Amino acid sequence: MFDDLLFPVTAMFTFRCDILRPHGAANIDPTITVNDMMACYPQSIGPLKALGIDTCCGGTDSLRVAANHAGVPLTVLLAAIDHAVITGRA
């Protein structure tokens, strides 16, 4: 009866889950938002939080901006994310 009123929710959200390329951290796009990183790679949540990255209100920040706000070198953040995603562990 109401089937015609249903809107596919997934069409409202588009995540770029090709953030990591085969060669690791040097290839993570630092302009990707924290939210997109967590959505595509849940393994990244642990390192993000451990490094003091704001995963709530700052989730719309790029990784570069978030690292800067947290006082973490971008290379350290990217390496931590890379390690977590590649190994499947934080």
N, C-alpha and C. Protein backbone atom coordinates (compact mmCIF):
# COMPACT_ATOMS: atom_id res chain seq x y z
N MET A 1 0.81 -1.19 0.00
CA MET A 1 0.00 0.00 0.00
C MET A 1 0.86 1.27 0.00
N PHE A 2 1.89 1.28 0.85
CA PHE A 2 2.74 2.46 0.95
C PHE A 2 4.08 2.27 0.24
N ASP A 3 4.22 1.19 -0.49
CA ASP A 3 5.49 0.89 -1.15
C ASP A 3 5.95 2.01 -2.06
N ASP A 4 5.01 2.71 -2.69
CA ASP A 4 5.39 3.77 -3.61
C ASP A 4 5.91 5.01 -2.88
N LEU A 5 5.73 5.05 -1.56
CA LEU A 5 6.20 6.19 -0.78
C LEU A 5 7.60 5.99 -0.22
N LEU A 6 8.09 4.76 -0.31
CA LEU A 6 9.41 4.47 0.23
C LEU A 6 10.48 5.05 -0.67
N PHE A 7 11.42 5.69 -0.06
CA PHE A 7 12.54 6.27 -0.79
C PHE A 7 13.79 5.52 -0.37
N PRO A 8 14.56 5.05 -1.31
CA PRO A 8 15.78 4.32 -0.92
C PRO A 8 16.76 5.25 -0.20
N VAL A 9 16.90 5.02 1.08
CA VAL A 9 17.74 5.88 1.92
C VAL A 9 19.17 5.89 1.44
N THR A 10 19.64 4.77 0.94
CA THR A 10 21.04 4.70 0.51
C THR A 10 21.33 5.67 -0.62
N ALA A 11 20.31 6.05 -1.37
CA ALA A 11 20.52 7.01 -2.46
C ALA A 11 20.85 8.39 -1.93
N MET A 12 20.51 8.65 -0.68
CA MET A 12 20.77 9.96 -0.08
C MET A 12 22.23 10.12 0.35
N PHE A 13 22.92 9.02 0.53
CA PHE A 13 24.27 9.06 1.05
C PHE A 13 25.24 8.45 0.05
N THR A 14 26.31 9.13 -0.21
CA THR A 14 27.34 8.55 -1.06
C THR A 14 28.66 8.64 -0.34
N PHE A 15 29.27 7.52 -0.11
CA PHE A 15 30.56 7.46 0.56
C PHE A 15 31.62 7.08 -0.46
N ARG A 16 32.75 7.70 -0.33
CA ARG A 16 33.87 7.37 -1.20
C ARG A 16 34.71 6.31 -0.52
N CYS A 17 34.38 5.07 -0.74
CA CYS A 17 35.07 3.99 -0.05
C CYS A 17 36.30 3.50 -0.80
N ASP A 18 36.77 4.30 -1.73
CA ASP A 18 38.02 3.99 -2.39
C ASP A 18 39.13 4.87 -1.84
N ILE A 19 38.98 5.26 -0.58
CA ILE A 19 39.91 6.18 0.07
C ILE A 19 41.32 5.60 0.10
N LEU A 20 41.42 4.34 0.47
CA LEU A 20 42.74 3.70 0.53
C LEU A 20 43.03 3.04 -0.80
N ARG A 21 44.19 3.27 -1.28
CA ARG A 21 44.63 2.61 -2.49
C ARG A 21 45.62 1.53 -2.08
N PRO A 22 45.98 0.63 -2.94
CA PRO A 22 46.78 -0.52 -2.54
C PRO A 22 48.11 -0.23 -1.86
N HIS A 23 48.63 0.96 -2.02
CA HIS A 23 49.98 1.19 -1.52
C HIS A 23 50.05 1.89 -0.17
N GLY A 24 48.96 1.99 0.56
CA GLY A 24 49.03 2.42 1.94
C GLY A 24 48.85 3.89 2.22
N ALA A 25 49.38 4.30 3.38
CA ALA A 25 49.10 5.61 3.96
C ALA A 25 49.43 6.78 3.06
N ALA A 26 50.48 6.68 2.30
CA ALA A 26 50.86 7.79 1.44
C ALA A 26 49.78 8.06 0.39
N ASN A 27 48.90 7.10 0.21
CA ASN A 27 47.86 7.24 -0.79
C ASN A 27 46.49 7.55 -0.21
N ILE A 28 46.37 7.75 1.09
CA ILE A 28 45.10 8.16 1.67
C ILE A 28 44.91 9.63 1.35
N ASP A 29 43.76 9.94 0.83
CA ASP A 29 43.46 11.33 0.46
C ASP A 29 43.18 12.13 1.72
N PRO A 30 44.04 13.07 2.11
CA PRO A 30 43.85 13.82 3.35
C PRO A 30 42.68 14.80 3.30
N THR A 31 42.04 14.92 2.13
CA THR A 31 40.88 15.81 2.04
C THR A 31 39.58 15.07 2.36
N ILE A 32 39.66 13.75 2.56
CA ILE A 32 38.49 12.95 2.94
C ILE A 32 38.06 13.35 4.34
N THR A 33 36.77 13.40 4.57
CA THR A 33 36.30 13.79 5.91
C THR A 33 36.48 12.64 6.89
N VAL A 34 36.54 13.02 8.15
CA VAL A 34 36.63 12.03 9.23
C VAL A 34 35.42 11.11 9.17
N ASN A 35 34.23 11.66 8.95
CA ASN A 35 33.01 10.85 8.87
C ASN A 35 33.09 9.81 7.76
N ASP A 36 33.56 10.22 6.58
CA ASP A 36 33.66 9.28 5.47
C ASP A 36 34.68 8.19 5.77
N MET A 37 35.78 8.55 6.40
CA MET A 37 36.79 7.56 6.76
C MET A 37 36.20 6.52 7.71
N MET A 38 35.48 6.98 8.73
CA MET A 38 34.90 6.05 9.70
C MET A 38 33.81 5.19 9.07
N ALA A 39 33.03 5.76 8.15
CA ALA A 39 31.96 5.01 7.51
C ALA A 39 32.51 3.93 6.59
N CYS A 40 33.55 4.26 5.87
CA CYS A 40 34.14 3.31 4.92
C CYS A 40 35.06 2.31 5.58
N TYR A 41 35.77 2.76 6.59
CA TYR A 41 36.76 1.92 7.26
C TYR A 41 36.57 2.02 8.77
N PRO A 42 35.63 1.25 9.34
CA PRO A 42 35.38 1.31 10.79
C PRO A 42 36.63 1.03 11.63
N GLN A 43 37.60 0.32 11.05
CA GLN A 43 38.84 0.04 11.78
C GLN A 43 39.60 1.32 12.10
N SER A 44 39.30 2.40 11.40
CA SER A 44 40.00 3.66 11.61
C SER A 44 39.52 4.40 12.86
N ILE A 45 38.39 4.01 13.42
CA ILE A 45 37.82 4.72 14.56
C ILE A 45 38.77 4.70 15.76
N GLY A 46 39.34 3.54 16.07
CA GLY A 46 40.26 3.43 17.20
C GLY A 46 41.44 4.39 17.11
N PRO A 47 42.19 4.35 16.01
CA PRO A 47 43.31 5.27 15.88
C PRO A 47 42.90 6.74 15.87
N LEU A 48 41.77 7.05 15.24
CA LEU A 48 41.31 8.44 15.23
C LEU A 48 41.09 8.93 16.66
N LYS A 49 40.38 8.13 17.44
CA LYS A 49 40.10 8.52 18.83
C LYS A 49 41.38 8.54 19.66
N ALA A 50 42.25 7.55 19.47
CA ALA A 50 43.49 7.48 20.24
C ALA A 50 44.39 8.69 20.01
N LEU A 51 44.31 9.25 18.80
CA LEU A 51 45.14 10.40 18.48
C LEU A 51 44.45 11.73 18.78
N GLY A 52 43.27 11.65 19.37
CA GLY A 52 42.57 12.87 19.78
C GLY A 52 41.81 13.56 18.67
N ILE A 53 41.51 12.82 17.60
CA ILE A 53 40.74 13.38 16.50
C ILE A 53 39.28 13.45 16.91
N ASP A 54 38.65 14.59 16.69
CA ASP A 54 37.25 14.78 17.03
C ASP A 54 36.40 13.99 16.04
N THR A 55 35.81 12.89 16.52
CA THR A 55 35.01 12.03 15.65
C THR A 55 33.52 12.33 15.76
N CYS A 56 33.19 13.37 16.47
CA CYS A 56 31.78 13.74 16.63
C CYS A 56 31.52 15.03 15.87
N CYS A 57 31.66 16.13 16.56
CA CYS A 57 31.38 17.44 15.95
C CYS A 57 32.38 17.79 14.86
N GLY A 58 33.57 17.22 14.94
CA GLY A 58 34.59 17.49 13.93
C GLY A 58 34.58 16.50 12.79
N GLY A 59 33.56 15.67 12.73
CA GLY A 59 33.50 14.63 11.71
C GLY A 59 33.41 15.14 10.29
N THR A 60 32.99 16.39 10.14
CA THR A 60 32.90 16.95 8.79
C THR A 60 34.22 17.57 8.34
N ASP A 61 35.19 17.61 9.24
CA ASP A 61 36.52 18.12 8.89
C ASP A 61 37.27 17.10 8.04
N SER A 62 38.15 17.58 7.20
CA SER A 62 39.02 16.67 6.45
C SER A 62 40.03 16.07 7.42
N LEU A 63 40.66 15.00 7.02
CA LEU A 63 41.70 14.40 7.86
C LEU A 63 42.81 15.41 8.13
N ARG A 64 43.15 16.21 7.13
CA ARG A 64 44.21 17.21 7.27
C ARG A 64 43.84 18.24 8.35
N VAL A 65 42.63 18.76 8.27
CA VAL A 65 42.17 19.77 9.23
C VAL A 65 42.05 19.15 10.63
N ALA A 66 41.50 17.95 10.70
CA ALA A 66 41.32 17.28 11.99
C ALA A 66 42.67 17.02 12.67
N ALA A 67 43.66 16.60 11.89
CA ALA A 67 45.00 16.37 12.44
C ALA A 67 45.58 17.68 12.96
N ASN A 68 45.41 18.73 12.20
CA ASN A 68 45.91 20.04 12.62
C ASN A 68 45.26 20.48 13.93
N HIS A 69 43.94 20.33 14.02
CA HIS A 69 43.23 20.71 15.24
C HIS A 69 43.69 19.90 16.45
N ALA A 70 44.01 18.64 16.22
CA ALA A 70 44.44 17.76 17.32
C ALA A 70 45.92 17.90 17.63
N GLY A 71 46.66 18.64 16.79
CA GLY A 71 48.10 18.78 17.00
C GLY A 71 48.87 17.53 16.66
N VAL A 72 48.34 16.75 15.74
CA VAL A 72 48.97 15.50 15.33
C VAL A 72 49.53 15.67 13.92
N PRO A 73 50.78 15.30 13.70
CA PRO A 73 51.30 15.37 12.33
C PRO A 73 50.44 14.51 11.40
N LEU A 74 50.12 15.04 10.24
CA LEU A 74 49.28 14.33 9.29
C LEU A 74 49.87 12.97 8.93
N THR A 75 51.18 12.90 8.80
CA THR A 75 51.81 11.62 8.44
C THR A 75 51.58 10.56 9.51
N VAL A 76 51.58 10.98 10.78
CA VAL A 76 51.33 10.04 11.88
C VAL A 76 49.89 9.54 11.82
N LEU A 77 48.95 10.45 11.60
CA LEU A 77 47.54 10.06 11.50
C LEU A 77 47.33 9.09 10.35
N LEU A 78 47.86 9.41 9.18
CA LEU A 78 47.67 8.56 8.02
C LEU A 78 48.30 7.18 8.22
N ALA A 79 49.47 7.15 8.85
CA ALA A 79 50.13 5.86 9.11
C ALA A 79 49.32 5.02 10.09
N ALA A 80 48.74 5.65 11.11
CA ALA A 80 47.93 4.92 12.09
C ALA A 80 46.67 4.35 11.43
N ILE A 81 46.04 5.15 10.60
CA ILE A 81 44.85 4.67 9.88
C ILE A 81 45.23 3.53 8.95
N ASP A 82 46.29 3.72 8.22
CA ASP A 82 46.77 2.70 7.29
C ASP A 82 47.00 1.38 8.01
N HIS A 83 47.70 1.43 9.12
CA HIS A 83 48.01 0.22 9.88
C HIS A 83 46.73 -0.48 10.33
N ALA A 84 45.79 0.30 10.86
CA ALA A 84 44.53 -0.28 11.36
C ALA A 84 43.73 -0.93 10.24
N VAL A 85 43.66 -0.27 9.11
CA VAL A 85 42.86 -0.78 8.00
C VAL A 85 43.51 -2.00 7.36
N ILE A 86 44.81 -1.93 7.14
CA ILE A 86 45.53 -3.03 6.48
C ILE A 86 45.54 -4.27 7.36
N THR A 87 45.79 -4.10 8.66
CA THR A 87 45.87 -5.26 9.56
C THR A 87 44.53 -5.65 10.13
N GLY A 88 43.54 -4.76 10.03
CA GLY A 88 42.23 -5.04 10.61
C GLY A 88 42.20 -4.82 12.11
N ARG A 89 43.25 -4.17 12.63
CA ARG A 89 43.35 -3.90 14.08
C ARG A 89 43.70 -2.43 14.28
N ALA A 90 43.27 -1.93 15.41
CA ALA A 90 43.60 -0.55 15.78
C ALA A 90 44.97 -0.50 16.39
